[in-house]
Structures are given as structure tokens and as C-alpha cells.
Amino acid sequence: MKNDIHPDYHMITVTMTDGTSYQTRSTYGKEGDTLNLDIDPNTHPAWTGGTQQLLDRGGRLSRFNSKFGNLGLGAKK
């Protein structure tokens, strides 16, 4: 194996959308960093059987609705 060409492989904490967390090894960030997931097996329709639970983390959905909500393209009433 060549020296100094591989990324650092270290322990990080992964936090799921429901607040649970676990530790795993990754090349993400630095040792001890936390990776917060927006979509995980608890919320993604591929694992939940088709019903998606949208969580507005960071206001993305709110910003989209305020910008494009007046178009009336299938908006929920």
C-alpha cells in the first residue's frame, strides 16, 4: 500500500432523524465529528413502505413553499 494517498479513516457519530445515534468508522470530517442525517431508513419511503414523513430540517420546505407556493401546482389545502 502506498503511503500518504489514503484518506484518514476514523470514528464518527451518526445521528438519525429521530435523535438516535451510533458510532461508526468513516472518512467523513475529523475524529469525533457528528453526521446529522436528513433522510434515513426510518423516514425514507423505500424502507417505510411508501409513506414518506417529511421533516423540515433547516427550513428548506418552508423556503420552497414561500417561493413557489403561489403557483398552485398541486398545493395541499
PDB file of N, CA and C in Angstrom:
ATOM      1  N   MET A   1       0.844  -1.163   0.000  1.00  0.00           N
ATOM      2  CA  MET A   1       0.000   0.000   0.000  1.00  0.00           C
ATOM      3  C   MET A   1       0.903   1.244   0.000  1.00  0.00           C
ATOM      4  N   LYS A   2       0.548   2.230  -0.850  1.00  0.00           N
ATOM      5  CA  LYS A   2       1.339   3.457  -0.915  1.00  0.00           C
ATOM      6  C   LYS A   2       1.077   4.329   0.303  1.00  0.00           C
ATOM      7  N   ASN A   3       2.108   5.041   0.728  1.00  0.00           N
ATOM      8  CA  ASN A   3       1.971   5.951   1.866  1.00  0.00           C
ATOM      9  C   ASN A   3       1.391   7.290   1.426  1.00  0.00           C
ATOM     10  N   ASP A   4       0.621   7.919   2.326  1.00  0.00           N
ATOM     11  CA  ASP A   4       0.106   9.284   2.163  1.00  0.00           C
ATOM     12  C   ASP A   4      -0.828   9.494   0.982  1.00  0.00           C
ATOM     13  N   ILE A   5      -1.535   8.458   0.498  1.00  0.00           N
ATOM     14  CA  ILE A   5      -2.514   8.674  -0.568  1.00  0.00           C
ATOM     15  C   ILE A   5      -3.929   8.303  -0.122  1.00  0.00           C
ATOM     16  N   HIS A   6      -4.051   7.704   1.043  1.00  0.00           N
ATOM     17  CA  HIS A   6      -5.356   7.250   1.513  1.00  0.00           C
ATOM     18  C   HIS A   6      -5.942   8.231   2.525  1.00  0.00           C
ATOM     19  N   PRO A   7      -7.273   8.426   2.497  1.00  0.00           N
ATOM     20  CA  PRO A   7      -7.886   9.341   3.472  1.00  0.00           C
ATOM     21  C   PRO A   7      -7.832   8.759   4.884  1.00  0.00           C
ATOM     22  N   ASP A   8      -7.928   9.651   5.870  1.00  0.00           N
ATOM     23  CA  ASP A   8      -7.924   9.251   7.268  1.00  0.00           C
ATOM     24  C   ASP A   8      -9.226   8.526   7.588  1.00  0.00           C
ATOM     25  N   TYR A   9      -9.150   7.362   8.160  1.00  0.00           N
ATOM     26  CA  TYR A   9     -10.306   6.527   8.498  1.00  0.00           C
ATOM     27  C   TYR A   9     -10.429   6.533  10.009  1.00  0.00           C
ATOM     28  N   HIS A  10     -11.528   7.122  10.546  1.00  0.00           N
ATOM     29  CA  HIS A  10     -11.638   7.368  11.980  1.00  0.00           C
ATOM     30  C   HIS A  10     -13.080   7.178  12.452  1.00  0.00           C
ATOM     31  N   MET A  11     -13.296   7.313  13.767  1.00  0.00           N
ATOM     32  CA  MET A  11     -14.630   7.135  14.359  1.00  0.00           C
ATOM     33  C   MET A  11     -15.417   8.450  14.293  1.00  0.00           C
ATOM     34  N   ILE A  12     -16.712   8.364  13.855  1.00  0.00           N
ATOM     35  CA  ILE A  12     -17.625   9.496  13.876  1.00  0.00           C
ATOM     36  C   ILE A  12     -18.939   9.035  14.495  1.00  0.00           C
ATOM     37  N   THR A  13     -19.804   9.981  14.836  1.00  0.00           N
ATOM     38  CA  THR A  13     -21.124   9.680  15.355  1.00  0.00           C
ATOM     39  C   THR A  13     -22.149  10.047  14.286  1.00  0.00           C
ATOM     40  N   VAL A  14     -23.051   9.128  13.971  1.00  0.00           N
ATOM     41  CA  VAL A  14     -24.127   9.368  13.013  1.00  0.00           C
ATOM     42  C   VAL A  14     -25.419   9.531  13.807  1.00  0.00           C
ATOM     43  N   THR A  15     -26.118  10.674  13.598  1.00  0.00           N
ATOM     44  CA  THR A  15     -27.370  10.945  14.287  1.00  0.00           C
ATOM     45  C   THR A  15     -28.518  10.832  13.295  1.00  0.00           C
ATOM     46  N   MET A  16     -29.468   9.936  13.600  1.00  0.00           N
ATOM     47  CA  MET A  16     -30.620   9.708  12.736  1.00  0.00           C
ATOM     48  C   MET A  16     -31.656  10.814  12.937  1.00  0.00           C
ATOM     49  N   THR A  17     -32.702  10.843  12.104  1.00  0.00           N
ATOM     50  CA  THR A  17     -33.713  11.892  12.186  1.00  0.00           C
ATOM     51  C   THR A  17     -34.526  11.821  13.469  1.00  0.00           C
ATOM     52  N   ASP A  18     -34.629  10.644  14.083  1.00  0.00           N
ATOM     53  CA  ASP A  18     -35.402  10.519  15.323  1.00  0.00           C
ATOM     54  C   ASP A  18     -34.558  10.797  16.574  1.00  0.00           C
ATOM     55  N   GLY A  19     -33.298  11.182  16.381  1.00  0.00           N
ATOM     56  CA  GLY A  19     -32.435  11.537  17.504  1.00  0.00           C
ATOM     57  C   GLY A  19     -31.521  10.426  17.979  1.00  0.00           C
ATOM     58  N   THR A  20     -31.757   9.189  17.547  1.00  0.00           N
ATOM     59  CA  THR A  20     -30.862   8.104  17.941  1.00  0.00           C
ATOM     60  C   THR A  20     -29.526   8.274  17.220  1.00  0.00           C
ATOM     61  N   SER A  21     -28.489   7.740  17.805  1.00  0.00           N
ATOM     62  CA  SER A  21     -27.176   7.872  17.191  1.00  0.00           C
ATOM     63  C   SER A  21     -26.364   6.599  17.394  1.00  0.00           C
ATOM     64  N   TYR A  22     -25.366   6.454  16.552  1.00  0.00           N
ATOM     65  CA  TYR A  22     -24.444   5.325  16.670  1.00  0.00           C
ATOM     66  C   TYR A  22     -23.073   5.761  16.183  1.00  0.00           C
ATOM     67  N   GLN A  23     -22.059   5.018  16.561  1.00  0.00           N
ATOM     68  CA  GLN A  23     -20.697   5.325  16.147  1.00  0.00           C
ATOM     69  C   GLN A  23     -20.261   4.349  15.071  1.00  0.00           C
ATOM     70  N   THR A  24     -19.549   4.876  14.098  1.00  0.00           N
ATOM     71  CA  THR A  24     -19.031   4.059  13.014  1.00  0.00           C
ATOM     72  C   THR A  24     -17.720   4.651  12.531  1.00  0.00           C
ATOM     73  N   ARG A  25     -17.000   3.895  11.732  1.00  0.00           N
ATOM     74  CA  ARG A  25     -15.755   4.391  11.148  1.00  0.00           C
ATOM     75  C   ARG A  25     -16.067   4.963   9.776  1.00  0.00           C
ATOM     76  N   SER A  26     -15.431   6.094   9.444  1.00  0.00           N
ATOM     77  CA  SER A  26     -15.712   6.777   8.187  1.00  0.00           C
ATOM     78  C   SER A  26     -14.552   7.679   7.803  1.00  0.00           C
ATOM     79  N   THR A  27     -14.565   8.161   6.567  1.00  0.00           N
ATOM     80  CA  THR A  27     -13.613   9.174   6.126  1.00  0.00           C
ATOM     81  C   THR A  27     -14.237  10.562   6.199  1.00  0.00           C
ATOM     82  N   TYR A  28     -15.490  10.668   6.674  1.00  0.00           N
ATOM     83  CA  TYR A  28     -16.193  11.946   6.801  1.00  0.00           C
ATOM     84  C   TYR A  28     -15.567  12.794   7.914  1.00  0.00           C
ATOM     85  N   GLY A  29     -15.301  14.071   7.641  1.00  0.00           N
ATOM     86  CA  GLY A  29     -14.851  15.015   8.669  1.00  0.00           C
ATOM     87  C   GLY A  29     -13.583  14.592   9.380  1.00  0.00           C
ATOM     88  N   LYS A  30     -13.588  14.878  10.695  1.00  0.00           N
ATOM     89  CA  LYS A  30     -12.439  14.556  11.543  1.00  0.00           C
ATOM     90  C   LYS A  30     -12.882  13.602  12.652  1.00  0.00           C
ATOM     91  N   GLU A  31     -11.950  13.093  13.378  1.00  0.00           N
ATOM     92  CA  GLU A  31     -12.222  12.206  14.509  1.00  0.00           C
ATOM     93  C   GLU A  31     -13.205  12.877  15.464  1.00  0.00           C
ATOM     94  N   GLY A  32     -14.315  12.193  15.790  1.00  0.00           N
ATOM     95  CA  GLY A  32     -15.285  12.703  16.750  1.00  0.00           C
ATOM     96  C   GLY A  32     -16.382  13.582  16.156  1.00  0.00           C
ATOM     97  N   ASP A  33     -16.343  13.881  14.848  1.00  0.00           N
ATOM     98  CA  ASP A  33     -17.391  14.695  14.227  1.00  0.00           C
ATOM     99  C   ASP A  33     -18.729  13.970  14.253  1.00  0.00           C
ATOM    100  N   THR A  34     -19.825  14.741  14.079  1.00  0.00           N
ATOM    101  CA  THR A  34     -21.170  14.180  14.051  1.00  0.00           C
ATOM    102  C   THR A  34     -21.784  14.422  12.685  1.00  0.00           C
ATOM    103  N   LEU A  35     -22.332  13.379  12.087  1.00  0.00           N
ATOM    104  CA  LEU A  35     -23.039  13.462  10.808  1.00  0.00           C
ATOM    105  C   LEU A  35     -24.526  13.378  11.104  1.00  0.00           C
ATOM    106  N   ASN A  36     -25.280  14.467  10.836  1.00  0.00           N
ATOM    107  CA  ASN A  36     -26.722  14.503  11.066  1.00  0.00           C
ATOM    108  C   ASN A  36     -27.441  14.165   9.767  1.00  0.00           C
ATOM    109  N   LEU A  37     -28.238  13.108   9.783  1.00  0.00           N
ATOM    110  CA  LEU A  37     -28.942  12.676   8.585  1.00  0.00           C
ATOM    111  C   LEU A  37     -30.277  13.402   8.441  1.00  0.00           C
ATOM    112  N   ASP A  38     -30.629  13.803   7.210  1.00  0.00           N
ATOM    113  CA  ASP A  38     -31.940  14.377   6.916  1.00  0.00           C
ATOM    114  C   ASP A  38     -32.918  13.283   6.512  1.00  0.00           C
ATOM    115  N   ILE A  39     -32.417  12.263   5.835  1.00  0.00           N
ATOM    116  CA  ILE A  39     -33.245  11.125   5.409  1.00  0.00           C
ATOM    117  C   ILE A  39     -32.511   9.859   5.811  1.00  0.00           C
ATOM    118  N   ASP A  40     -33.213   8.948   6.452  1.00  0.00           N
ATOM    119  CA  ASP A  40     -32.611   7.685   6.865  1.00  0.00           C
ATOM    120  C   ASP A  40     -33.652   6.572   6.711  1.00  0.00           C
ATOM    121  N   PRO A  41     -33.320   5.334   7.013  1.00  0.00           N
ATOM    122  CA  PRO A  41     -34.272   4.232   6.847  1.00  0.00           C
ATOM    123  C   PRO A  41     -35.555   4.404   7.651  1.00  0.00           C
ATOM    124  N   ASN A  42     -35.574   5.253   8.671  1.00  0.00           N
ATOM    125  CA  ASN A  42     -36.798   5.472   9.441  1.00  0.00           C
ATOM    126  C   ASN A  42     -37.787   6.367   8.713  1.00  0.00           C
ATOM    127  N   THR A  43     -37.330   7.191   7.757  1.00  0.00           N
ATOM    128  CA  THR A  43     -38.207   8.149   7.087  1.00  0.00           C
ATOM    129  C   THR A  43     -38.292   7.969   5.582  1.00  0.00           C
ATOM    130  N   HIS A  44     -37.370   7.262   4.969  1.00  0.00           N
ATOM    131  CA  HIS A  44     -37.359   7.140   3.512  1.00  0.00           C
ATOM    132  C   HIS A  44     -38.408   6.133   3.043  1.00  0.00           C
ATOM    133  N   PRO A  45     -39.207   6.487   2.028  1.00  0.00           N
ATOM    134  CA  PRO A  45     -40.280   5.596   1.573  1.00  0.00           C
ATOM    135  C   PRO A  45     -39.798   4.245   1.050  1.00  0.00           C
ATOM    136  N   ALA A  46     -38.550   4.138   0.638  1.00  0.00           N
ATOM    137  CA  ALA A  46     -38.041   2.850   0.166  1.00  0.00           C
ATOM    138  C   ALA A  46     -38.031   1.822   1.291  1.00  0.00           C
ATOM    139  N   TRP A  47     -37.881   2.269   2.535  1.00  0.00           N
ATOM    140  CA  TRP A  47     -37.843   1.364   3.682  1.00  0.00           C
ATOM    141  C   TRP A  47     -39.136   1.372   4.491  1.00  0.00           C
ATOM    142  N   THR A  48     -39.945   2.440   4.362  1.00  0.00           N
ATOM    143  CA  THR A  48     -41.147   2.547   5.191  1.00  0.00           C
ATOM    144  C   THR A  48     -42.399   2.050   4.497  1.00  0.00           C
ATOM    145  N   GLY A  49     -42.297   1.598   3.258  1.00  0.00           N
ATOM    146  CA  GLY A  49     -43.464   1.069   2.563  1.00  0.00           C
ATOM    147  C   GLY A  49     -44.214   2.109   1.754  1.00  0.00           C
ATOM    148  N   GLY A  50     -43.585   3.230   1.437  1.00  0.00           N
ATOM    149  CA  GLY A  50     -44.187   4.192   0.532  1.00  0.00           C
ATOM    150  C   GLY A  50     -44.735   5.449   1.170  1.00  0.00           C
ATOM    151  N   THR A  51     -44.947   5.475   2.457  1.00  0.00           N
ATOM    152  CA  THR A  51     -45.446   6.697   3.081  1.00  0.00           C
ATOM    153  C   THR A  51     -44.258   7.472   3.630  1.00  0.00           C
ATOM    154  N   GLN A  52     -44.056   8.665   3.077  1.00  0.00           N
ATOM    155  CA  GLN A  52     -42.904   9.458   3.485  1.00  0.00           C
ATOM    156  C   GLN A  52     -43.295  10.451   4.561  1.00  0.00           C
ATOM    157  N   GLN A  53     -42.448  10.583   5.573  1.00  0.00           N
ATOM    158  CA  GLN A  53     -42.636  11.566   6.630  1.00  0.00           C
ATOM    159  C   GLN A  53     -41.646  12.693   6.359  1.00  0.00           C
ATOM    160  N   LEU A  54     -42.156  13.826   5.873  1.00  0.00           N
ATOM    161  CA  LEU A  54     -41.273  14.943   5.573  1.00  0.00           C
ATOM    162  C   LEU A  54     -40.950  15.710   6.848  1.00  0.00           C
ATOM    163  N   LEU A  55     -39.668  15.856   7.097  1.00  0.00           N
ATOM    164  CA  LEU A  55     -39.219  16.660   8.221  1.00  0.00           C
ATOM    165  C   LEU A  55     -38.566  17.906   7.653  1.00  0.00           C
ATOM    166  N   ASP A  56     -39.023  19.060   8.073  1.00  0.00           N
ATOM    167  CA  ASP A  56     -38.478  20.314   7.575  1.00  0.00           C
ATOM    168  C   ASP A  56     -37.295  20.723   8.437  1.00  0.00           C
ATOM    169  N   ARG A  57     -36.138  20.150   8.139  1.00  0.00           N
ATOM    170  CA  ARG A  57     -34.924  20.453   8.905  1.00  0.00           C
ATOM    171  C   ARG A  57     -34.150  21.534   8.169  1.00  0.00           C
ATOM    172  N   GLY A  58     -34.049  22.679   8.769  1.00  0.00           N
ATOM    173  CA  GLY A  58     -33.306  23.771   8.158  1.00  0.00           C
ATOM    174  C   GLY A  58     -34.171  24.711   7.353  1.00  0.00           C
ATOM    175  N   GLY A  59     -35.488  24.485   7.295  1.00  0.00           N
ATOM    176  CA  GLY A  59     -36.386  25.405   6.627  1.00  0.00           C
ATOM    177  C   GLY A  59     -36.444  25.284   5.126  1.00  0.00           C
ATOM    178  N   ARG A  60     -35.936  24.231   4.543  1.00  0.00           N
ATOM    179  CA  ARG A  60     -35.932  24.085   3.095  1.00  0.00           C
ATOM    180  C   ARG A  60     -37.339  24.015   2.525  1.00  0.00           C
ATOM    181  N   LEU A  61     -38.187  23.225   3.157  1.00  0.00           N
ATOM    182  CA  LEU A  61     -39.560  23.088   2.680  1.00  0.00           C
ATOM    183  C   LEU A  61     -40.316  24.399   2.835  1.00  0.00           C
ATOM    184  N   SER A  62     -40.110  25.100   3.903  1.00  0.00           N
ATOM    185  CA  SER A  62     -40.759  26.396   4.118  1.00  0.00           C
ATOM    186  C   SER A  62     -40.309  27.410   3.077  1.00  0.00           C
ATOM    187  N   ARG A  63     -39.000  27.448   2.780  1.00  0.00           N
ATOM    188  CA  ARG A  63     -38.496  28.384   1.770  1.00  0.00           C
ATOM    189  C   ARG A  63     -39.069  28.051   0.400  1.00  0.00           C
ATOM    190  N   PHE A  64     -39.152  26.764   0.066  1.00  0.00           N
ATOM    191  CA  PHE A  64     -39.713  26.366  -1.215  1.00  0.00           C
ATOM    192  C   PHE A  64     -41.175  26.789  -1.315  1.00  0.00           C
ATOM    193  N   ASN A  65     -41.950  26.523  -0.264  1.00  0.00           N
ATOM    194  CA  ASN A  65     -43.370  26.878  -0.283  1.00  0.00           C
ATOM    195  C   ASN A  65     -43.574  28.382  -0.371  1.00  0.00           C
ATOM    196  N   SER A  66     -42.739  29.171   0.295  1.00  0.00           N
ATOM    197  CA  SER A  66     -42.910  30.619   0.223  1.00  0.00           C
ATOM    198  C   SER A  66     -42.516  31.154  -1.153  1.00  0.00           C
ATOM    199  N   LYS A  67     -41.569  30.498  -1.810  1.00  0.00           N
ATOM    200  CA  LYS A  67     -41.114  30.958  -3.125  1.00  0.00           C
ATOM    201  C   LYS A  67     -42.050  30.503  -4.235  1.00  0.00           C
ATOM    202  N   PHE A  68     -42.517  29.252  -4.182  1.00  0.00           N
ATOM    203  CA  PHE A  68     -43.304  28.683  -5.272  1.00  0.00           C
ATOM    204  C   PHE A  68     -44.722  28.315  -4.878  1.00  0.00           C
ATOM    205  N   GLY A  69     -45.131  28.599  -3.656  1.00  0.00           N
ATOM    206  CA  GLY A  69     -46.454  28.215  -3.172  1.00  0.00           C
ATOM    207  C   GLY A  69     -47.598  28.880  -3.910  1.00  0.00           C
ATOM    208  N   ASN A  70     -47.369  30.067  -4.491  1.00  0.00           N
ATOM    209  CA  ASN A  70     -48.429  30.775  -5.168  1.00  0.00           C
ATOM    210  C   ASN A  70     -48.703  30.261  -6.583  1.00  0.00           C
ATOM    211  N   LEU A  71     -47.928  29.319  -7.066  1.00  0.00           N
ATOM    212  CA  LEU A  71     -48.156  28.767  -8.400  1.00  0.00           C
ATOM    213  C   LEU A  71     -49.367  27.852  -8.447  1.00  0.00           C
ATOM    214  N   GLY A  72     -49.740  27.284  -7.313  1.00  0.00           N
ATOM    215  CA  GLY A  72     -50.927  26.429  -7.253  1.00  0.00           C
ATOM    216  C   GLY A  72     -50.774  25.100  -7.957  1.00  0.00           C
ATOM    217  N   LEU A  73     -49.570  24.600  -8.057  1.00  0.00           N
ATOM    218  CA  LEU A  73     -49.320  23.310  -8.723  1.00  0.00           C
ATOM    219  C   LEU A  73     -49.484  22.180  -7.736  1.00  0.00           C
ATOM    220  N   GLY A  74     -50.685  21.721  -7.538  1.00  0.00           N
ATOM    221  CA  GLY A  74     -50.938  20.597  -6.646  1.00  0.00           C
ATOM    222  C   GLY A  74     -50.721  20.916  -5.185  1.00  0.00           C
ATOM    223  N   ALA A  75     -50.911  22.154  -4.828  1.00  0.00           N
ATOM    224  CA  ALA A  75     -50.707  22.553  -3.438  1.00  0.00           C
ATOM    225  C   ALA A  75     -51.778  21.930  -2.544  1.00  0.00           C
ATOM    226  N   LYS A  76     -51.358  21.480  -1.364  1.00  0.00           N
ATOM    227  CA  LYS A  76     -52.295  20.910  -0.404  1.00  0.00           C
ATOM    228  C   LYS A  76     -53.114  22.017   0.228  1.00  0.00           C
ATOM    229  N   LYS A  77     -54.379  21.771   0.404  1.00  0.00           N
ATOM    230  CA  LYS A  77     -55.251  22.778   1.016  1.00  0.00           C
ATOM    231  C   LYS A  77     -55.722  22.350   2.350  1.00  0.00           C
TER     232      LYS A  77
END
